[in-house]
PDB file of all heavy atoms in Angstrom:
ATOM      1  N   PRO A   1    -138.519  52.753  -6.548  1.00  0.00           N
ATOM      2  CA  PRO A   1    -137.107  52.391  -6.395  1.00  0.00           C
ATOM      3  C   PRO A   1    -136.403  53.366  -5.457  1.00  0.00           C
ATOM      4  O   PRO A   1    -136.742  54.547  -5.404  1.00  0.00           O
ATOM      5  CB  PRO A   1    -136.551  52.496  -7.812  1.00  0.00           C
ATOM      6  CG  PRO A   1    -137.505  53.339  -8.563  1.00  0.00           C
ATOM      7  CD  PRO A   1    -138.836  53.237  -7.879  1.00  0.00           C
ATOM      8  N   VAL A   2    -135.437  52.851  -4.713  1.00  0.00           N
ATOM      9  CA  VAL A   2    -134.591  53.669  -3.846  1.00  0.00           C
ATOM     10  C   VAL A   2    -133.158  53.381  -4.271  1.00  0.00           C
ATOM     11  O   VAL A   2    -132.613  52.325  -3.946  1.00  0.00           O
ATOM     12  CB  VAL A   2    -134.803  53.327  -2.352  1.00  0.00           C
ATOM     13  CG1 VAL A   2    -133.865  54.152  -1.484  1.00  0.00           C
ATOM     14  CG2 VAL A   2    -136.258  53.537  -1.950  1.00  0.00           C
ATOM     15  N   GLY A   3    -132.603  54.280  -5.041  1.00  0.00           N
ATOM     16  CA  GLY A   3    -131.274  54.041  -5.601  1.00  0.00           C
ATOM     17  C   GLY A   3    -131.289  52.756  -6.408  1.00  0.00           C
ATOM     18  O   GLY A   3    -132.285  52.404  -7.031  1.00  0.00           O
ATOM     19  N   ALA A   4    -130.184  52.042  -6.368  1.00  0.00           N
ATOM     20  CA  ALA A   4    -130.085  50.764  -7.076  1.00  0.00           C
ATOM     21  C   ALA A   4    -130.107  49.594  -6.110  1.00  0.00           C
ATOM     22  O   ALA A   4    -129.862  48.464  -6.507  1.00  0.00           O
ATOM     23  CB  ALA A   4    -128.793  50.737  -7.892  1.00  0.00           C
ATOM     24  N   TYR A   5    -130.438  49.849  -4.852  1.00  0.00           N
ATOM     25  CA  TYR A   5    -130.295  48.801  -3.843  1.00  0.00           C
ATOM     26  C   TYR A   5    -131.578  48.370  -3.152  1.00  0.00           C
ATOM     27  O   TYR A   5    -131.583  47.391  -2.400  1.00  0.00           O
ATOM     28  CB  TYR A   5    -129.288  49.236  -2.776  1.00  0.00           C
ATOM     29  CG  TYR A   5    -129.794  50.349  -1.882  1.00  0.00           C
ATOM     30  CD1 TYR A   5    -130.388  50.055  -0.664  1.00  0.00           C
ATOM     31  CD2 TYR A   5    -129.706  51.681  -2.258  1.00  0.00           C
ATOM     32  CE1 TYR A   5    -130.862  51.062   0.158  1.00  0.00           C
ATOM     33  CE2 TYR A   5    -130.168  52.687  -1.448  1.00  0.00           C
ATOM     34  CZ  TYR A   5    -130.748  52.372  -0.234  1.00  0.00           C
ATOM     35  OH  TYR A   5    -131.232  53.379   0.563  1.00  0.00           O
ATOM     36  N   ALA A   6    -132.698  49.071  -3.387  1.00  0.00           N
ATOM     37  CA  ALA A   6    -133.902  48.763  -2.614  1.00  0.00           C
ATOM     38  C   ALA A   6    -135.147  49.316  -3.295  1.00  0.00           C
ATOM     39  O   ALA A   6    -135.068  50.062  -4.276  1.00  0.00           O
ATOM     40  CB  ALA A   6    -133.782  49.365  -1.209  1.00  0.00           C
ATOM     41  N   VAL A   7    -136.293  48.955  -2.714  1.00  0.00           N
ATOM     42  CA  VAL A   7    -137.568  49.555  -3.083  1.00  0.00           C
ATOM     43  C   VAL A   7    -138.291  49.969  -1.805  1.00  0.00           C
ATOM     44  O   VAL A   7    -138.055  49.423  -0.727  1.00  0.00           O
ATOM     45  CB  VAL A   7    -138.480  48.586  -3.891  1.00  0.00           C
ATOM     46  CG1 VAL A   7    -137.930  48.354  -5.279  1.00  0.00           C
ATOM     47  CG2 VAL A   7    -138.705  47.279  -3.170  1.00  0.00           C
ATOM     48  N   ARG A   8    -139.152  50.956  -1.956  1.00  0.00           N
ATOM     49  CA  ARG A   8    -140.044  51.366  -0.871  1.00  0.00           C
ATOM     50  C   ARG A   8    -141.424  50.883  -1.272  1.00  0.00           C
ATOM     51  O   ARG A   8    -141.928  51.239  -2.341  1.00  0.00           O
ATOM     52  CB  ARG A   8    -140.032  52.883  -0.701  1.00  0.00           C
ATOM     53  CG  ARG A   8    -140.958  53.362   0.417  1.00  0.00           C
ATOM     54  CD  ARG A   8    -140.964  54.874   0.547  1.00  0.00           C
ATOM     55  NE  ARG A   8    -139.650  55.467   0.605  1.00  0.00           N
ATOM     56  CZ  ARG A   8    -138.902  55.580   1.711  1.00  0.00           C
ATOM     57  NH1 ARG A   8    -139.362  55.129   2.852  1.00  0.00           N
ATOM     58  NH2 ARG A   8    -137.720  56.150   1.656  1.00  0.00           N
ATOM     59  N   LEU A   9    -142.011  50.058  -0.437  1.00  0.00           N
ATOM     60  CA  LEU A   9    -143.361  49.564  -0.688  1.00  0.00           C
ATOM     61  C   LEU A   9    -144.346  50.399   0.104  1.00  0.00           C
ATOM     62  O   LEU A   9    -144.125  50.671   1.285  1.00  0.00           O
ATOM     63  CB  LEU A   9    -143.482  48.097  -0.274  1.00  0.00           C
ATOM     64  CG  LEU A   9    -142.533  47.110  -0.950  1.00  0.00           C
ATOM     65  CD1 LEU A   9    -142.767  45.700  -0.414  1.00  0.00           C
ATOM     66  CD2 LEU A   9    -142.666  47.149  -2.457  1.00  0.00           C
ATOM     67  N   SER A  10    -145.422  50.799  -0.537  1.00  0.00           N
ATOM     68  CA  SER A  10    -146.512  51.502   0.136  1.00  0.00           C
ATOM     69  C   SER A  10    -147.694  50.551   0.214  1.00  0.00           C
ATOM     70  O   SER A  10    -148.038  49.887  -0.769  1.00  0.00           O
ATOM     71  CB  SER A  10    -146.917  52.757  -0.639  1.00  0.00           C
ATOM     72  OG  SER A  10    -145.847  53.658  -0.699  1.00  0.00           O
ATOM     73  N   PHE A  11    -148.309  50.516   1.385  1.00  0.00           N
ATOM     74  CA  PHE A  11    -149.416  49.598   1.645  1.00  0.00           C
ATOM     75  C   PHE A  11    -150.709  50.378   1.844  1.00  0.00           C
ATOM     76  O   PHE A  11    -150.692  51.570   2.170  1.00  0.00           O
ATOM     77  CB  PHE A  11    -149.115  48.756   2.889  1.00  0.00           C
ATOM     78  CG  PHE A  11    -147.895  47.885   2.729  1.00  0.00           C
ATOM     79  CD1 PHE A  11    -146.635  48.351   3.050  1.00  0.00           C
ATOM     80  CD2 PHE A  11    -148.018  46.590   2.231  1.00  0.00           C
ATOM     81  CE1 PHE A  11    -145.505  47.549   2.900  1.00  0.00           C
ATOM     82  CE2 PHE A  11    -146.900  45.789   2.069  1.00  0.00           C
ATOM     83  CZ  PHE A  11    -145.636  46.275   2.402  1.00  0.00           C
ATOM     84  N   ASP A  12    -151.828  49.684   1.672  1.00  0.00           N
ATOM     85  CA  ASP A  12    -153.130  50.346   1.767  1.00  0.00           C
ATOM     86  C   ASP A  12    -153.477  50.816   3.173  1.00  0.00           C
ATOM     87  O   ASP A  12    -154.416  51.579   3.353  1.00  0.00           O
ATOM     88  CB  ASP A  12    -154.241  49.461   1.201  1.00  0.00           C
ATOM     89  CG  ASP A  12    -154.441  48.158   1.959  1.00  0.00           C
ATOM     90  OD1 ASP A  12    -153.559  47.756   2.761  1.00  0.00           O
ATOM     91  OD2 ASP A  12    -155.480  47.511   1.735  1.00  0.00           O
ATOM     92  N   ASP A  13    -152.701  50.429   4.181  1.00  0.00           N
ATOM     93  CA  ASP A  13    -152.939  50.923   5.539  1.00  0.00           C
ATOM     94  C   ASP A  13    -152.163  52.218   5.800  1.00  0.00           C
ATOM     95  O   ASP A  13    -152.138  52.716   6.918  1.00  0.00           O
ATOM     96  CB  ASP A  13    -152.585  49.866   6.583  1.00  0.00           C
ATOM     97  CG  ASP A  13    -151.101  49.533   6.636  1.00  0.00           C
ATOM     98  OD1 ASP A  13    -150.316  50.039   5.808  1.00  0.00           O
ATOM     99  OD2 ASP A  13    -150.717  48.746   7.527  1.00  0.00           O
ATOM    100  N   GLY A  14    -151.519  52.759   4.753  1.00  0.00           N
ATOM    101  CA  GLY A  14    -150.778  54.006   4.880  1.00  0.00           C
ATOM    102  C   GLY A  14    -149.302  53.821   5.198  1.00  0.00           C
ATOM    103  O   GLY A  14    -148.530  54.777   5.141  1.00  0.00           O
ATOM    104  N   HIS A  15    -148.883  52.617   5.510  1.00  0.00           N
ATOM    105  CA  HIS A  15    -147.472  52.375   5.837  1.00  0.00           C
ATOM    106  C   HIS A  15    -146.622  52.480   4.577  1.00  0.00           C
ATOM    107  O   HIS A  15    -146.890  51.823   3.578  1.00  0.00           O
ATOM    108  CB  HIS A  15    -147.307  50.992   6.470  1.00  0.00           C
ATOM    109  CG  HIS A  15    -145.882  50.664   6.775  1.00  0.00           C
ATOM    110  ND1 HIS A  15    -145.209  51.251   7.810  1.00  0.00           N
ATOM    111  CD2 HIS A  15    -145.008  49.840   6.164  1.00  0.00           C
ATOM    112  CE1 HIS A  15    -143.970  50.787   7.831  1.00  0.00           C
ATOM    113  NE2 HIS A  15    -143.825  49.931   6.840  1.00  0.00           N
ATOM    114  N   ASP A  16    -145.589  53.325   4.655  1.00  0.00           N
ATOM    115  CA  ASP A  16    -144.681  53.453   3.509  1.00  0.00           C
ATOM    116  C   ASP A  16    -143.278  53.865   3.945  1.00  0.00           C
ATOM    117  O   ASP A  16    -142.532  54.454   3.171  1.00  0.00           O
ATOM    118  CB  ASP A  16    -145.228  54.426   2.470  1.00  0.00           C
ATOM    119  CG  ASP A  16    -145.291  55.856   2.979  1.00  0.00           C
ATOM    120  OD1 ASP A  16    -144.982  56.110   4.163  1.00  0.00           O
ATOM    121  OD2 ASP A  16    -145.649  56.740   2.181  1.00  0.00           O
ATOM    122  N   THR A  17    -142.895  53.551   5.174  1.00  0.00           N
ATOM    123  CA  THR A  17    -141.594  53.995   5.686  1.00  0.00           C
ATOM    124  C   THR A  17    -140.530  52.903   5.671  1.00  0.00           C
ATOM    125  O   THR A  17    -139.382  53.171   6.016  1.00  0.00           O
ATOM    126  CB  THR A  17    -141.715  54.544   7.120  1.00  0.00           C
ATOM    127  OG1 THR A  17    -142.218  53.510   7.974  1.00  0.00           O
ATOM    128  CG2 THR A  17    -142.622  55.758   7.161  1.00  0.00           C
ATOM    129  N   GLY A  18    -140.880  51.702   5.297  1.00  0.00           N
ATOM    130  CA  GLY A  18    -139.889  50.632   5.284  1.00  0.00           C
ATOM    131  C   GLY A  18    -139.207  50.490   3.937  1.00  0.00           C
ATOM    132  O   GLY A  18    -139.854  50.547   2.901  1.00  0.00           O
ATOM    133  N   LEU A  19    -137.900  50.336   3.969  1.00  0.00           N
ATOM    134  CA  LEU A  19    -137.151  50.047   2.747  1.00  0.00           C
ATOM    135  C   LEU A  19    -136.906  48.549   2.673  1.00  0.00           C
ATOM    136  O   LEU A  19    -136.587  47.911   3.677  1.00  0.00           O
ATOM    137  CB  LEU A  19    -135.806  50.771   2.745  1.00  0.00           C
ATOM    138  CG  LEU A  19    -135.850  52.281   2.704  1.00  0.00           C
ATOM    139  CD1 LEU A  19    -134.433  52.833   2.637  1.00  0.00           C
ATOM    140  CD2 LEU A  19    -136.671  52.788   1.538  1.00  0.00           C
ATOM    141  N   TYR A  20    -137.038  48.012   1.490  1.00  0.00           N
ATOM    142  CA  TYR A  20    -136.827  46.594   1.256  1.00  0.00           C
ATOM    143  C   TYR A  20    -135.644  46.461   0.313  1.00  0.00           C
ATOM    144  O   TYR A  20    -135.784  46.602  -0.906  1.00  0.00           O
ATOM    145  CB  TYR A  20    -138.090  45.966   0.645  1.00  0.00           C
ATOM    146  CG  TYR A  20    -139.261  45.985   1.604  1.00  0.00           C
ATOM    147  CD1 TYR A  20    -140.012  47.135   1.795  1.00  0.00           C
ATOM    148  CD2 TYR A  20    -139.585  44.853   2.344  1.00  0.00           C
ATOM    149  CE1 TYR A  20    -141.070  47.156   2.691  1.00  0.00           C
ATOM    150  CE2 TYR A  20    -140.647  44.867   3.241  1.00  0.00           C
ATOM    151  CZ  TYR A  20    -141.380  46.020   3.405  1.00  0.00           C
ATOM    152  OH  TYR A  20    -142.425  46.041   4.296  1.00  0.00           O
ATOM    153  N   SER A  21    -134.459  46.250   0.896  1.00  0.00           N
ATOM    154  CA  SER A  21    -133.254  46.087   0.076  1.00  0.00           C
ATOM    155  C   SER A  21    -133.342  44.757  -0.657  1.00  0.00           C
ATOM    156  O   SER A  21    -134.112  43.859  -0.290  1.00  0.00           O
ATOM    157  CB  SER A  21    -132.007  46.118   0.957  1.00  0.00           C
ATOM    158  OG  SER A  21    -131.942  44.939   1.746  1.00  0.00           O
ATOM    159  N   TRP A  22    -132.533  44.617  -1.693  1.00  0.00           N
ATOM    160  CA  TRP A  22    -132.498  43.348  -2.424  1.00  0.00           C
ATOM    161  C   TRP A  22    -132.068  42.225  -1.483  1.00  0.00           C
ATOM    162  O   TRP A  22    -132.602  41.122  -1.551  1.00  0.00           O
ATOM    163  CB  TRP A  22    -131.580  43.439  -3.632  1.00  0.00           C
ATOM    164  CG  TRP A  22    -131.880  44.581  -4.564  1.00  0.00           C
ATOM    165  CD1 TRP A  22    -130.965  45.403  -5.150  1.00  0.00           C
ATOM    166  CD2 TRP A  22    -133.163  45.023  -5.033  1.00  0.00           C
ATOM    167  NE1 TRP A  22    -131.611  46.326  -5.940  1.00  0.00           N
ATOM    168  CE2 TRP A  22    -132.957  46.119  -5.884  1.00  0.00           C
ATOM    169  CE3 TRP A  22    -134.479  44.611  -4.797  1.00  0.00           C
ATOM    170  CZ2 TRP A  22    -133.989  46.800  -6.511  1.00  0.00           C
ATOM    171  CZ3 TRP A  22    -135.516  45.286  -5.422  1.00  0.00           C
ATOM    172  CH2 TRP A  22    -135.276  46.358  -6.269  1.00  0.00           C
ATOM    173  N   ASP A  23    -131.113  42.512  -0.590  1.00  0.00           N
ATOM    174  CA  ASP A  23    -130.674  41.503   0.376  1.00  0.00           C
ATOM    175  C   ASP A  23    -131.829  41.085   1.290  1.00  0.00           C
ATOM    176  O   ASP A  23    -132.011  39.908   1.580  1.00  0.00           O
ATOM    177  CB  ASP A  23    -129.515  42.019   1.230  1.00  0.00           C
ATOM    178  CG  ASP A  23    -128.210  42.128   0.469  1.00  0.00           C
ATOM    179  OD1 ASP A  23    -128.097  41.551  -0.631  1.00  0.00           O
ATOM    180  OD2 ASP A  23    -127.291  42.798   0.990  1.00  0.00           O
ATOM    181  N   LEU A  24    -132.599  42.069   1.766  1.00  0.00           N
ATOM    182  CA  LEU A  24    -133.729  41.757   2.639  1.00  0.00           C
ATOM    183  C   LEU A  24    -134.778  40.944   1.892  1.00  0.00           C
ATOM    184  O   LEU A  24    -135.273  39.936   2.411  1.00  0.00           O
ATOM    185  CB  LEU A  24    -134.361  43.039   3.191  1.00  0.00           C
ATOM    186  CG  LEU A  24    -135.630  42.851   4.029  1.00  0.00           C
ATOM    187  CD1 LEU A  24    -135.368  41.974   5.245  1.00  0.00           C
ATOM    188  CD2 LEU A  24    -136.214  44.184   4.435  1.00  0.00           C
ATOM    189  N   LEU A  25    -135.119  41.347   0.676  1.00  0.00           N
ATOM    190  CA  LEU A  25    -136.123  40.596  -0.087  1.00  0.00           C
ATOM    191  C   LEU A  25    -135.651  39.172  -0.368  1.00  0.00           C
ATOM    192  O   LEU A  25    -136.447  38.227  -0.289  1.00  0.00           O
ATOM    193  CB  LEU A  25    -136.456  41.326  -1.393  1.00  0.00           C
ATOM    194  CG  LEU A  25    -137.305  42.581  -1.221  1.00  0.00           C
ATOM    195  CD1 LEU A  25    -137.344  43.377  -2.514  1.00  0.00           C
ATOM    196  CD2 LEU A  25    -138.708  42.233  -0.746  1.00  0.00           C
ATOM    197  N   HIS A  26    -134.378  39.014  -0.648  1.00  0.00           N
ATOM    198  CA  HIS A  26    -133.846  37.667  -0.864  1.00  0.00           C
ATOM    199  C   HIS A  26    -133.957  36.847   0.418  1.00  0.00           C
ATOM    200  O   HIS A  26    -134.409  35.700   0.404  1.00  0.00           O
ATOM    201  CB  HIS A  26    -132.394  37.728  -1.361  1.00  0.00           C
ATOM    202  CG  HIS A  26    -131.861  36.393  -1.733  1.00  0.00           C
ATOM    203  ND1 HIS A  26    -131.077  35.642  -0.878  1.00  0.00           N
ATOM    204  CD2 HIS A  26    -132.023  35.646  -2.849  1.00  0.00           C
ATOM    205  CE1 HIS A  26    -130.781  34.505  -1.463  1.00  0.00           C
ATOM    206  NE2 HIS A  26    -131.340  34.476  -2.662  1.00  0.00           N
ATOM    207  N   ASP A  27    -133.564  37.432   1.545  1.00  0.00           N
ATOM    208  CA  ASP A  27    -133.665  36.742   2.829  1.00  0.00           C
ATOM    209  C   ASP A  27    -135.115  36.386   3.150  1.00  0.00           C
ATOM    210  O   ASP A  27    -135.401  35.268   3.606  1.00  0.00           O
ATOM    211  CB  ASP A  27    -133.095  37.608   3.956  1.00  0.00           C
ATOM    212  CG  ASP A  27    -133.246  36.935   5.309  1.00  0.00           C
ATOM    213  OD1 ASP A  27    -132.476  35.998   5.600  1.00  0.00           O
ATOM    214  OD2 ASP A  27    -134.156  37.343   6.065  1.00  0.00           O
TER     215      ASP A  27
END
């Protein structure tokens, strides 16, 4: 979790710098 507005997803390729806000996930 990132605050109350997003999550940070980590992937098996090492990528973990993108934030996925609730608005983005809904979109």
